Amino acid sequence: MAGAMAAWTRSHRKSPEQWELERRMRISEIGRITDGTVIDVSEQGATSGEMQLLIYQYDVAGVSYEASQDVTALRHRVDLHSCRAGLMTSIKYDPSNPGNSIVIAENWTGLRN
């Protein structure tokens, strides 16, 4: 019985991509909005599995935060070539943990034109 339970548990574990999707959706739903600024856009890795990071900063209650978001899975929603240092953006953050934030999700974007 223990072996079957262990096999079932392994087969139902969430992938890192699933965890990240759930994090984005949760912050998108419950997050508070503040103003922020894009600091940099970084593409890492020379292979087809290239990672795209959006690096940004924002302030909440007098505390400055610098964060990055892996936007690789959201390529269809963001044109990284139009994102440049100094671009103003809206940030959604978790009110119980302001360091947990996003700039873009499947159903929301803080990027401004």
PDB file of N, CA and C in Angstrom:
ATOM      1  N   MET A   1       0.812  -1.196   0.000  1.00  0.00           N
ATOM      2  CA  MET A   1       0.000   0.000   0.000  1.00  0.00           C
ATOM      3  C   MET A   1       0.859   1.264   0.000  1.00  0.00           C
ATOM      4  N   ALA A   2       1.938   1.244   0.794  1.00  0.00           N
ATOM      5  CA  ALA A   2       2.818   2.411   0.874  1.00  0.00           C
ATOM      6  C   ALA A   2       3.474   2.679  -0.474  1.00  0.00           C
ATOM      7  N   GLY A   3       3.840   1.630  -1.194  1.00  0.00           N
ATOM      8  CA  GLY A   3       4.450   1.795  -2.514  1.00  0.00           C
ATOM      9  C   GLY A   3       3.482   2.422  -3.496  1.00  0.00           C
ATOM     10  N   ALA A   4       2.232   2.011  -3.456  1.00  0.00           N
ATOM     11  CA  ALA A   4       1.214   2.584  -4.346  1.00  0.00           C
ATOM     12  C   ALA A   4       0.986   4.053  -4.021  1.00  0.00           C
ATOM     13  N   MET A   5       0.972   4.367  -2.727  1.00  0.00           N
ATOM     14  CA  MET A   5       0.772   5.763  -2.321  1.00  0.00           C
ATOM     15  C   MET A   5       1.949   6.619  -2.758  1.00  0.00           C
ATOM     16  N   ALA A   6       3.156   6.113  -2.625  1.00  0.00           N
ATOM     17  CA  ALA A   6       4.340   6.854  -3.043  1.00  0.00           C
ATOM     18  C   ALA A   6       4.326   7.070  -4.556  1.00  0.00           C
ATOM     19  N   ALA A   7       3.948   6.070  -5.316  1.00  0.00           N
ATOM     20  CA  ALA A   7       3.863   6.196  -6.776  1.00  0.00           C
ATOM     21  C   ALA A   7       2.804   7.218  -7.164  1.00  0.00           C
ATOM     22  N   TRP A   8       1.654   7.182  -6.501  1.00  0.00           N
ATOM     23  CA  TRP A   8       0.596   8.140  -6.792  1.00  0.00           C
ATOM     24  C   TRP A   8       1.060   9.564  -6.485  1.00  0.00           C
ATOM     25  N   THR A   9       1.741   9.743  -5.349  1.00  0.00           N
ATOM     26  CA  THR A   9       2.237  11.062  -4.955  1.00  0.00           C
ATOM     27  C   THR A   9       3.228  11.596  -5.974  1.00  0.00           C
ATOM     28  N   ARG A  10       4.172  10.757  -6.408  1.00  0.00           N
ATOM     29  CA  ARG A  10       5.156  11.189  -7.403  1.00  0.00           C
ATOM     30  C   ARG A  10       4.485  11.588  -8.705  1.00  0.00           C
ATOM     31  N   SER A  11       3.490  10.839  -9.126  1.00  0.00           N
ATOM     32  CA  SER A  11       2.844  11.121 -10.413  1.00  0.00           C
ATOM     33  C   SER A  11       1.955  12.354 -10.360  1.00  0.00           C
ATOM     34  N   HIS A  12       1.596  12.813  -9.173  1.00  0.00           N
ATOM     35  CA  HIS A  12       0.729  13.970  -9.042  1.00  0.00           C
ATOM     36  C   HIS A  12       1.450  15.205  -8.505  1.00  0.00           C
ATOM     37  N   ARG A  13       2.758  15.181  -8.504  1.00  0.00           N
ATOM     38  CA  ARG A  13       3.520  16.347  -8.078  1.00  0.00           C
ATOM     39  C   ARG A  13       3.410  17.434  -9.136  1.00  0.00           C
ATOM     40  N   LYS A  14       3.378  18.654  -8.666  1.00  0.00           N
ATOM     41  CA  LYS A  14       3.307  19.791  -9.583  1.00  0.00           C
ATOM     42  C   LYS A  14       4.700  20.100 -10.111  1.00  0.00           C
ATOM     43  N   SER A  15       4.758  20.450 -11.377  1.00  0.00           N
ATOM     44  CA  SER A  15       6.019  20.839 -11.988  1.00  0.00           C
ATOM     45  C   SER A  15       6.337  22.281 -11.571  1.00  0.00           C
ATOM     46  N   PRO A  16       7.583  22.709 -11.709  1.00  0.00           N
ATOM     47  CA  PRO A  16       7.913  24.108 -11.410  1.00  0.00           C
ATOM     48  C   PRO A  16       7.065  25.086 -12.235  1.00  0.00           C
ATOM     49  N   GLU A  17       6.745  24.706 -13.465  1.00  0.00           N
ATOM     50  CA  GLU A  17       5.911  25.555 -14.311  1.00  0.00           C
ATOM     51  C   GLU A  17       4.501  25.683 -13.738  1.00  0.00           C
ATOM     52  N   GLN A  18       3.966  24.591 -13.204  1.00  0.00           N
ATOM     53  CA  GLN A  18       2.631  24.633 -12.596  1.00  0.00           C
ATOM     54  C   GLN A  18       2.626  25.496 -11.338  1.00  0.00           C
ATOM     55  N   TRP A  19       3.678  25.370 -10.516  1.00  0.00           N
ATOM     56  CA  TRP A  19       3.781  26.208  -9.319  1.00  0.00           C
ATOM     57  C   TRP A  19       3.825  27.683  -9.711  1.00  0.00           C
ATOM     58  N   GLU A  20       4.620  28.016 -10.734  1.00  0.00           N
ATOM     59  CA  GLU A  20       4.759  29.408 -11.162  1.00  0.00           C
ATOM     60  C   GLU A  20       3.445  29.937 -11.731  1.00  0.00           C
ATOM     61  N   LEU A  21       2.732  29.142 -12.511  1.00  0.00           N
ATOM     62  CA  LEU A  21       1.431  29.544 -13.040  1.00  0.00           C
ATOM     63  C   LEU A  21       0.466  29.848 -11.898  1.00  0.00           C
ATOM     64  N   GLU A  22       0.415  28.982 -10.906  1.00  0.00           N
ATOM     65  CA  GLU A  22      -0.469  29.197  -9.756  1.00  0.00           C
ATOM     66  C   GLU A  22      -0.080  30.452  -8.976  1.00  0.00           C
ATOM     67  N   ARG A  23       1.219  30.709  -8.848  1.00  0.00           N
ATOM     68  CA  ARG A  23       1.691  31.914  -8.159  1.00  0.00           C
ATOM     69  C   ARG A  23       1.232  33.158  -8.908  1.00  0.00           C
ATOM     70  N   ARG A  24       1.441  33.162 -10.227  1.00  0.00           N
ATOM     71  CA  ARG A  24       1.014  34.318 -11.029  1.00  0.00           C
ATOM     72  C   ARG A  24      -0.487  34.553 -10.924  1.00  0.00           C
ATOM     73  N   MET A  25      -1.267  33.481 -11.032  1.00  0.00           N
ATOM     74  CA  MET A  25      -2.719  33.615 -10.991  1.00  0.00           C
ATOM     75  C   MET A  25      -3.183  34.106  -9.615  1.00  0.00           C
ATOM     76  N   ARG A  26      -2.556  33.610  -8.554  1.00  0.00           N
ATOM     77  CA  ARG A  26      -2.925  34.042  -7.205  1.00  0.00           C
ATOM     78  C   ARG A  26      -2.637  35.528  -7.020  1.00  0.00           C
ATOM     79  N   ILE A  27      -1.447  35.970  -7.406  1.00  0.00           N
ATOM     80  CA  ILE A  27      -1.115  37.391  -7.253  1.00  0.00           C
ATOM     81  C   ILE A  27      -2.002  38.244  -8.154  1.00  0.00           C
ATOM     82  N   SER A  28      -2.292  37.756  -9.342  1.00  0.00           N
ATOM     83  CA  SER A  28      -3.178  38.482 -10.249  1.00  0.00           C
ATOM     84  C   SER A  28      -4.550  38.695  -9.624  1.00  0.00           C
ATOM     85  N   GLU A  29      -5.032  37.705  -8.877  1.00  0.00           N
ATOM     86  CA  GLU A  29      -6.361  37.788  -8.258  1.00  0.00           C
ATOM     87  C   GLU A  29      -6.387  38.608  -6.971  1.00  0.00           C
ATOM     88  N   ILE A  30      -5.390  38.431  -6.106  1.00  0.00           N
ATOM     89  CA  ILE A  30      -5.440  39.058  -4.778  1.00  0.00           C
ATOM     90  C   ILE A  30      -4.499  40.251  -4.640  1.00  0.00           C
ATOM     91  N   GLY A  31      -3.646  40.466  -5.633  1.00  0.00           N
ATOM     92  CA  GLY A  31      -2.591  41.461  -5.503  1.00  0.00           C
ATOM     93  C   GLY A  31      -3.060  42.897  -5.477  1.00  0.00           C
ATOM     94  N   ARG A  32      -2.271  43.703  -4.834  1.00  0.00           N
ATOM     95  CA  ARG A  32      -2.456  45.153  -4.851  1.00  0.00           C
ATOM     96  C   ARG A  32      -1.529  45.714  -5.921  1.00  0.00           C
ATOM     97  N   ILE A  33      -1.908  46.857  -6.461  1.00  0.00           N
ATOM     98  CA  ILE A  33      -1.147  47.451  -7.564  1.00  0.00           C
ATOM     99  C   ILE A  33      -0.361  48.650  -7.062  1.00  0.00           C
ATOM    100  N   THR A  34       0.881  48.743  -7.530  1.00  0.00           N
ATOM    101  CA  THR A  34       1.721  49.907  -7.272  1.00  0.00           C
ATOM    102  C   THR A  34       2.491  50.219  -8.545  1.00  0.00           C
ATOM    103  N   ASP A  35       3.084  51.399  -8.590  1.00  0.00           N
ATOM    104  CA  ASP A  35       3.895  51.773  -9.746  1.00  0.00           C
ATOM    105  C   ASP A  35       5.294  51.200  -9.602  1.00  0.00           C
ATOM    106  N   GLY A  36       5.889  50.885 -10.738  1.00  0.00           N
ATOM    107  CA  GLY A  36       7.248  50.370 -10.756  1.00  0.00           C
ATOM    108  C   GLY A  36       7.952  50.785 -12.025  1.00  0.00           C
ATOM    109  N   THR A  37       9.183  50.362 -12.146  1.00  0.00           N
ATOM    110  CA  THR A  37      10.006  50.703 -13.294  1.00  0.00           C
ATOM    111  C   THR A  37      10.770  49.474 -13.761  1.00  0.00           C
ATOM    112  N   VAL A  38      10.784  49.263 -15.069  1.00  0.00           N
ATOM    113  CA  VAL A  38      11.610  48.192 -15.642  1.00  0.00           C
ATOM    114  C   VAL A  38      13.066  48.630 -15.531  1.00  0.00           C
ATOM    115  N   ILE A  39      13.890  47.757 -15.004  1.00  0.00           N
ATOM    116  CA  ILE A  39      15.324  48.036 -14.882  1.00  0.00           C
ATOM    117  C   ILE A  39      16.077  47.450 -16.065  1.00  0.00           C
ATOM    118  N   ASP A  40      15.698  46.225 -16.448  1.00  0.00           N
ATOM    119  CA  ASP A  40      16.431  45.532 -17.511  1.00  0.00           C
ATOM    120  C   ASP A  40      15.587  44.373 -18.030  1.00  0.00           C
ATOM    121  N   VAL A  41      15.911  43.935 -19.202  1.00  0.00           N
ATOM    122  CA  VAL A  41      15.348  42.718 -19.782  1.00  0.00           C
ATOM    123  C   VAL A  41      16.539  41.845 -20.124  1.00  0.00           C
ATOM    124  N   SER A  42      16.489  40.604 -19.702  1.00  0.00           N
ATOM    125  CA  SER A  42      17.620  39.709 -19.876  1.00  0.00           C
ATOM    126  C   SER A  42      17.172  38.418 -20.544  1.00  0.00           C
ATOM    127  N   GLU A  43      17.901  38.001 -21.556  1.00  0.00           N
ATOM    128  CA  GLU A  43      17.678  36.703 -22.183  1.00  0.00           C
ATOM    129  C   GLU A  43      18.883  35.846 -21.846  1.00  0.00           C
ATOM    130  N   GLN A  44      18.624  34.729 -21.181  1.00  0.00           N
ATOM    131  CA  GLN A  44      19.707  33.879 -20.721  1.00  0.00           C
ATOM    132  C   GLN A  44      19.642  32.527 -21.392  1.00  0.00           C
ATOM    133  N   GLY A  45      20.777  32.028 -21.816  1.00  0.00           N
ATOM    134  CA  GLY A  45      20.858  30.726 -22.463  1.00  0.00           C
ATOM    135  C   GLY A  45      20.895  30.883 -23.970  1.00  0.00           C
ATOM    136  N   ALA A  46      21.785  30.176 -24.598  1.00  0.00           N
ATOM    137  CA  ALA A  46      21.963  30.298 -26.043  1.00  0.00           C
ATOM    138  C   ALA A  46      21.224  29.211 -26.805  1.00  0.00           C
ATOM    139  N   THR A  47      20.461  28.394 -26.106  1.00  0.00           N
ATOM    140  CA  THR A  47      19.764  27.302 -26.777  1.00  0.00           C
ATOM    141  C   THR A  47      18.302  27.654 -26.987  1.00  0.00           C
ATOM    142  N   SER A  48      17.546  26.738 -27.527  1.00  0.00           N
ATOM    143  CA  SER A  48      16.123  26.979 -27.758  1.00  0.00           C
ATOM    144  C   SER A  48      15.353  27.086 -26.444  1.00  0.00           C
ATOM    145  N   GLY A  49      15.946  26.631 -25.336  1.00  0.00           N
ATOM    146  CA  GLY A  49      15.322  26.729 -24.028  1.00  0.00           C
ATOM    147  C   GLY A  49      15.658  28.040 -23.335  1.00  0.00           C
ATOM    148  N   GLU A  50      15.814  29.093 -24.100  1.00  0.00           N
ATOM    149  CA  GLU A  50      16.221  30.385 -23.588  1.00  0.00           C
ATOM    150  C   GLU A  50      15.223  30.943 -22.579  1.00  0.00           C
ATOM    151  N   MET A  51      15.742  31.497 -21.499  1.00  0.00           N
ATOM    152  CA  MET A  51      14.911  32.082 -20.448  1.00  0.00           C
ATOM    153  C   MET A  51      14.894  33.597 -20.636  1.00  0.00           C
ATOM    154  N   GLN A  52      13.700  34.186 -20.524  1.00  0.00           N
ATOM    155  CA  GLN A  52      13.554  35.632 -20.644  1.00  0.00           C
ATOM    156  C   GLN A  52      13.116  36.195 -19.304  1.00  0.00           C
ATOM    157  N   LEU A  53      13.922  37.115 -18.775  1.00  0.00           N
ATOM    158  CA  LEU A  53      13.647  37.717 -17.470  1.00  0.00           C
ATOM    159  C   LEU A  53      13.346  39.194 -17.623  1.00  0.00           C
ATOM    160  N   LEU A  54      12.341  39.640 -16.911  1.00  0.00           N
ATOM    161  CA  LEU A  54      11.995  41.050 -16.818  1.00  0.00           C
ATOM    162  C   LEU A  54      12.399  41.483 -15.411  1.00  0.00           C
ATOM    163  N   ILE A  55      13.310  42.433 -15.308  1.00  0.00           N
ATOM    164  CA  ILE A  55      13.839  42.876 -14.020  1.00  0.00           C
ATOM    165  C   ILE A  55      13.255  44.259 -13.736  1.00  0.00           C
ATOM    166  N   TYR A  56      12.702  44.433 -12.536  1.00  0.00           N
ATOM    167  CA  TYR A  56      11.979  45.657 -12.231  1.00  0.00           C
ATOM    168  C   TYR A  56      12.146  46.034 -10.770  1.00  0.00           C
ATOM    169  N   GLN A  57      11.750  47.271 -10.453  1.00  0.00           N
ATOM    170  CA  GLN A  57      11.807  47.741  -9.074  1.00  0.00           C
ATOM    171  C   GLN A  57      10.518  48.463  -8.749  1.00  0.00           C
ATOM    172  N   TYR A  58      10.177  48.469  -7.457  1.00  0.00           N
ATOM    173  CA  TYR A  58       8.965  49.124  -6.985  1.00  0.00           C
ATOM    174  C   TYR A  58       9.098  49.384  -5.491  1.00  0.00           C
ATOM    175  N   ASP A  59       8.250  50.238  -4.958  1.00  0.00           N
ATOM    176  CA  ASP A  59       8.251  50.579  -3.537  1.00  0.00           C
ATOM    177  C   ASP A  59       6.895  50.255  -2.934  1.00  0.00           C
ATOM    178  N   VAL A  60       6.908  49.697  -1.733  1.00  0.00           N
ATOM    179  CA  VAL A  60       5.696  49.436  -0.960  1.00  0.00           C
ATOM    180  C   VAL A  60       5.956  49.875   0.474  1.00  0.00           C
ATOM    181  N   ALA A  61       5.150  50.787   0.977  1.00  0.00           N
ATOM    182  CA  ALA A  61       5.242  51.266   2.364  1.00  0.00           C
ATOM    183  C   ALA A  61       6.656  51.712   2.725  1.00  0.00           C
ATOM    184  N   GLY A  62       7.301  52.436   1.815  1.00  0.00           N
ATOM    185  CA  GLY A  62       8.633  52.967   2.072  1.00  0.00           C
ATOM    186  C   GLY A  62       9.765  51.981   1.908  1.00  0.00           C
ATOM    187  N   VAL A  63       9.472  50.762   1.492  1.00  0.00           N
ATOM    188  CA  VAL A  63      10.510  49.748   1.273  1.00  0.00           C
ATOM    189  C   VAL A  63      10.661  49.535  -0.229  1.00  0.00           C
ATOM    190  N   SER A  64      11.904  49.592  -0.699  1.00  0.00           N
ATOM    191  CA  SER A  64      12.181  49.377  -2.122  1.00  0.00           C
ATOM    192  C   SER A  64      12.451  47.908  -2.386  1.00  0.00           C
ATOM    193  N   TYR A  65      11.866  47.408  -3.462  1.00  0.00           N
ATOM    194  CA  TYR A  65      12.047  46.020  -3.867  1.00  0.00           C
ATOM    195  C   TYR A  65      12.599  45.990  -5.290  1.00  0.00           C
ATOM    196  N   GLU A  66      13.484  45.064  -5.525  1.00  0.00           N
ATOM    197  CA  GLU A  66      13.974  44.785  -6.873  1.00  0.00           C
ATOM    198  C   GLU A  66      13.703  43.313  -7.110  1.00  0.00           C
ATOM    199  N   ALA A  67      13.041  43.011  -8.214  1.00  0.00           N
ATOM    200  CA  ALA A  67      12.631  41.639  -8.478  1.00  0.00           C
ATOM    201  C   ALA A  67      12.784  41.330  -9.958  1.00  0.00           C
ATOM    202  N   SER A  68      12.678  40.053 -10.262  1.00  0.00           N
ATOM    203  CA  SER A  68      12.664  39.636 -11.663  1.00  0.00           C
ATOM    204  C   SER A  68      11.545  38.622 -11.836  1.00  0.00           C
ATOM    205  N   GLN A  69      11.009  38.583 -13.042  1.00  0.00           N
ATOM    206  CA  GLN A  69       9.979  37.619 -13.369  1.00  0.00           C
ATOM    207  C   GLN A  69      10.381  36.901 -14.641  1.00  0.00           C
ATOM    208  N   ASP A  70      10.346  35.589 -14.592  1.00  0.00           N
ATOM    209  CA  ASP A  70      10.586  34.778 -15.776  1.00  0.00           C
ATOM    210  C   ASP A  70       9.332  34.875 -16.638  1.00  0.00           C
ATOM    211  N   VAL A  71       9.441  35.520 -17.787  1.00  0.00           N
ATOM    212  CA  VAL A  71       8.291  35.715 -18.670  1.00  0.00           C
ATOM    213  C   VAL A  71       8.363  34.813 -19.899  1.00  0.00           C
ATOM    214  N   THR A  72       9.207  33.801 -19.848  1.00  0.00           N
ATOM    215  CA  THR A  72       9.374  32.894 -20.976  1.00  0.00           C
ATOM    216  C   THR A  72       8.050  32.281 -21.410  1.00  0.00           C
ATOM    217  N   ALA A  73       7.246  31.831 -20.446  1.00  0.00           N
ATOM    218  CA  ALA A  73       5.968  31.195 -20.772  1.00  0.00           C
ATOM    219  C   ALA A  73       4.929  32.199 -21.259  1.00  0.00           C
ATOM    220  N   LEU A  74       5.218  33.484 -21.115  1.00  0.00           N
ATOM    221  CA  LEU A  74       4.274  34.531 -21.506  1.00  0.00           C
ATOM    222  C   LEU A  74       4.751  35.313 -22.729  1.00  0.00           C
ATOM    223  N   ARG A  75       5.642  34.732 -23.512  1.00  0.00           N
ATOM    224  CA  ARG A  75       6.203  35.415 -24.686  1.00  0.00           C
ATOM    225  C   ARG A  75       5.129  35.968 -25.600  1.00  0.00           C
ATOM    226  N   HIS A  76       4.022  35.257 -25.720  1.00  0.00           N
ATOM    227  CA  HIS A  76       2.938  35.694 -26.597  1.00  0.00           C
ATOM    228  C   HIS A  76       2.226  36.933 -26.053  1.00  0.00           C
ATOM    229  N   ARG A  77       2.442  37.297 -24.792  1.00  0.00           N
ATOM    230  CA  ARG A  77       1.778  38.445 -24.173  1.00  0.00           C
ATOM    231  C   ARG A  77       2.680  39.658 -24.031  1.00  0.00           C
ATOM    232  N   VAL A  78       3.978  39.487 -24.261  1.00  0.00           N
ATOM    233  CA  VAL A  78       4.907  40.590 -24.020  1.00  0.00           C
ATOM    234  C   VAL A  78       5.934  40.672 -25.144  1.00  0.00           C
ATOM    235  N   ASP A  79       6.188  41.893 -25.598  1.00  0.00           N
ATOM    236  CA  ASP A  79       7.245  42.141 -26.580  1.00  0.00           C
ATOM    237  C   ASP A  79       8.444  42.687 -25.814  1.00  0.00           C
ATOM    238  N   LEU A  80       9.396  41.811 -25.525  1.00  0.00           N
ATOM    239  CA  LEU A  80      10.538  42.228 -24.711  1.00  0.00           C
ATOM    240  C   LEU A  80      11.392  43.279 -25.394  1.00  0.00           C
ATOM    241  N   HIS A  81      11.305  43.356 -26.709  1.00  0.00           N
ATOM    242  CA  HIS A  81      12.099  44.365 -27.424  1.00  0.00           C
ATOM    243  C   HIS A  81      11.544  45.773 -27.200  1.00  0.00           C
ATOM    244  N   SER A  82      10.273  45.887 -26.824  1.00  0.00           N
ATOM    245  CA  SER A  82       9.703  47.198 -26.516  1.00  0.00           C
ATOM    246  C   SER A  82       9.901  47.562 -25.042  1.00  0.00           C
ATOM    247  N   CYS A  83      10.294  46.593 -24.222  1.00  0.00           N
ATOM    248  CA  CYS A  83      10.589  46.856 -22.809  1.00  0.00           C
ATOM    249  C   CYS A  83      12.016  47.362 -22.710  1.00  0.00           C
ATOM    250  N   ARG A  84      12.179  48.499 -22.090  1.00  0.00           N
ATOM    251  CA  ARG A  84      13.513  49.085 -21.966  1.00  0.00           C
ATOM    252  C   ARG A  84      13.687  49.642 -20.560  1.00  0.00           C
ATOM    253  N   ALA A  85      14.908  49.863 -20.180  1.00  0.00           N
ATOM    254  CA  ALA A  85      15.188  50.429 -18.862  1.00  0.00           C
ATOM    255  C   ALA A  85      14.474  51.767 -18.734  1.00  0.00           C
ATOM    256  N   GLY A  86      13.825  51.967 -17.602  1.00  0.00           N
ATOM    257  CA  GLY A  86      13.118  53.210 -17.343  1.00  0.00           C
ATOM    258  C   GLY A  86      11.648  53.175 -17.708  1.00  0.00           C
ATOM    259  N   LEU A  87      11.184  52.103 -18.350  1.00  0.00           N
ATOM    260  CA  LEU A  87       9.776  51.992 -18.726  1.00  0.00           C
ATOM    261  C   LEU A  87       8.919  51.887 -17.469  1.00  0.00           C
ATOM    262  N   MET A  88       7.942  52.765 -17.339  1.00  0.00           N
ATOM    263  CA  MET A  88       7.027  52.719 -16.200  1.00  0.00           C
ATOM    264  C   MET A  88       6.081  51.539 -16.379  1.00  0.00           C
ATOM    265  N   THR A  89       5.776  50.873 -15.271  1.00  0.00           N
ATOM    266  CA  THR A  89       4.900  49.712 -15.301  1.00  0.00           C
ATOM    267  C   THR A  89       4.100  49.641 -14.011  1.00  0.00           C
ATOM    268  N   SER A  90       3.038  48.889 -14.039  1.00  0.00           N
ATOM    269  CA  SER A  90       2.300  48.599 -12.817  1.00  0.00           C
ATOM    270  C   SER A  90       2.750  47.234 -12.312  1.00  0.00           C
ATOM    271  N   ILE A  91       2.844  47.110 -11.019  1.00  0.00           N
ATOM    272  CA  ILE A  91       3.282  45.872 -10.381  1.00  0.00           C
ATOM    273  C   ILE A  91       2.135  45.389  -9.500  1.00  0.00           C
ATOM    274  N   LYS A  92       1.839  44.109  -9.535  1.00  0.00           N
ATOM    275  CA  LYS A  92       0.910  43.523  -8.564  1.00  0.00           C
ATOM    276  C   LYS A  92       1.757  42.750  -7.567  1.00  0.00           C
ATOM    277  N   TYR A  93       1.472  42.959  -6.298  1.00  0.00           N
ATOM    278  CA  TYR A  93       2.228  42.277  -5.249  1.00  0.00           C
ATOM    279  C   TYR A  93       1.278  41.667  -4.229  1.00  0.00           C
ATOM    280  N   ASP A  94       1.758  40.672  -3.538  1.00  0.00           N
ATOM    281  CA  ASP A  94       1.009  39.985  -2.494  1.00  0.00           C
ATOM    282  C   ASP A  94       1.019  40.879  -1.249  1.00  0.00           C
ATOM    283  N   PRO A  95      -0.153  41.334  -0.780  1.00  0.00           N
ATOM    284  CA  PRO A  95      -0.181  42.226   0.386  1.00  0.00           C
ATOM    285  C   PRO A  95       0.436  41.608   1.649  1.00  0.00           C
ATOM    286  N   SER A  96       0.410  40.290   1.771  1.00  0.00           N
ATOM    287  CA  SER A  96       1.004  39.648   2.952  1.00  0.00           C
ATOM    288  C   SER A  96       2.501  39.388   2.779  1.00  0.00           C
ATOM    289  N   ASN A  97       3.006  39.551   1.559  1.00  0.00           N
ATOM    290  CA  ASN A  97       4.426  39.367   1.268  1.00  0.00           C
ATOM    291  C   ASN A  97       4.777  40.252   0.076  1.00  0.00           C
ATOM    292  N   PRO A  98       5.024  41.562   0.300  1.00  0.00           N
ATOM    293  CA  PRO A  98       5.218  42.498  -0.809  1.00  0.00           C
ATOM    294  C   PRO A  98       6.384  42.174  -1.741  1.00  0.00           C
ATOM    295  N   GLY A  99       7.291  41.327  -1.315  1.00  0.00           N
ATOM    296  CA  GLY A  99       8.393  40.920  -2.185  1.00  0.00           C
ATOM    297  C   GLY A  99       7.966  39.925  -3.247  1.00  0.00           C
ATOM    298  N   ASN A 100       6.774  39.372  -3.117  1.00  0.00           N
ATOM    299  CA  ASN A 100       6.224  38.414  -4.077  1.00  0.00           C
ATOM    300  C   ASN A 100       5.366  39.203  -5.056  1.00  0.00           C
ATOM    301  N   SER A 101       5.844  39.379  -6.285  1.00  0.00           N
ATOM    302  CA  SER A 101       5.184  40.289  -7.211  1.00  0.00           C
ATOM    303  C   SER A 101       5.263  39.791  -8.645  1.00  0.00           C
ATOM    304  N   ILE A 102       4.448  40.420  -9.497  1.00  0.00           N
ATOM    305  CA  ILE A 102       4.450  40.123 -10.928  1.00  0.00           C
ATOM    306  C   ILE A 102       4.250  41.414 -11.711  1.00  0.00           C
ATOM    307  N   VAL A 103       4.670  41.373 -12.959  1.00  0.00           N
ATOM    308  CA  VAL A 103       4.395  42.453 -13.904  1.00  0.00           C
ATOM    309  C   VAL A 103       3.376  41.988 -14.932  1.00  0.00           C
ATOM    310  N   ILE A 104       3.339  40.685 -15.161  1.00  0.00           N
ATOM    311  CA  ILE A 104       2.457  40.147 -16.190  1.00  0.00           C
ATOM    312  C   ILE A 104       1.979  38.753 -15.783  1.00  0.00           C
ATOM    313  N   ALA A 105       0.752  38.443 -16.147  1.00  0.00           N
ATOM    314  CA  ALA A 105       0.167  37.117 -15.935  1.00  0.00           C
ATOM    315  C   ALA A 105      -0.699  36.807 -17.148  1.00  0.00           C
ATOM    316  N   GLU A 106      -1.288  35.642 -17.139  1.00  0.00           N
ATOM    317  CA  GLU A 106      -2.134  35.223 -18.253  1.00  0.00           C
ATOM    318  C   GLU A 106      -3.342  36.134 -18.442  1.00  0.00           C
ATOM    319  N   ASN A 107      -3.833  36.727 -17.355  1.00  0.00           N
ATOM    320  CA  ASN A 107      -5.044  37.534 -17.424  1.00  0.00           C
ATOM    321  C   ASN A 107      -4.844  38.992 -17.019  1.00  0.00           C
ATOM    322  N   TRP A 108      -3.589  39.434 -16.920  1.00  0.00           N
ATOM    323  CA  TRP A 108      -3.307  40.812 -16.499  1.00  0.00           C
ATOM    324  C   TRP A 108      -1.918  41.215 -16.962  1.00  0.00           C
ATOM    325  N   THR A 109      -1.758  42.476 -17.311  1.00  0.00           N
ATOM    326  CA  THR A 109      -0.418  43.001 -17.602  1.00  0.00           C
ATOM    327  C   THR A 109      -0.299  44.403 -17.034  1.00  0.00           C
ATOM    328  N   GLY A 110       0.847  44.669 -16.473  1.00  0.00           N
ATOM    329  CA  GLY A 110       1.150  45.994 -15.951  1.00  0.00           C
ATOM    330  C   GLY A 110       2.004  46.789 -16.900  1.00  0.00           C
ATOM    331  N   LEU A 111       2.421  46.179 -18.002  1.00  0.00           N
ATOM    332  CA  LEU A 111       3.262  46.878 -18.971  1.00  0.00           C
ATOM    333  C   LEU A 111       2.464  47.987 -19.648  1.00  0.00           C
ATOM    334  N   ARG A 112       3.084  49.124 -19.749  1.00  0.00           N
ATOM    335  CA  ARG A 112       2.441  50.293 -20.353  1.00  0.00           C
ATOM    336  C   ARG A 112       3.108  50.583 -21.689  1.00  0.00           C
ATOM    337  N   ASN A 113       2.334  51.094 -22.592  1.00  0.00           N
ATOM    338  CA  ASN A 113       2.887  51.445 -23.920  1.00  0.00           C
ATOM    339  C   ASN A 113       3.495  52.821 -23.915  1.00  0.00           C
TER     340      ASN A 113
END
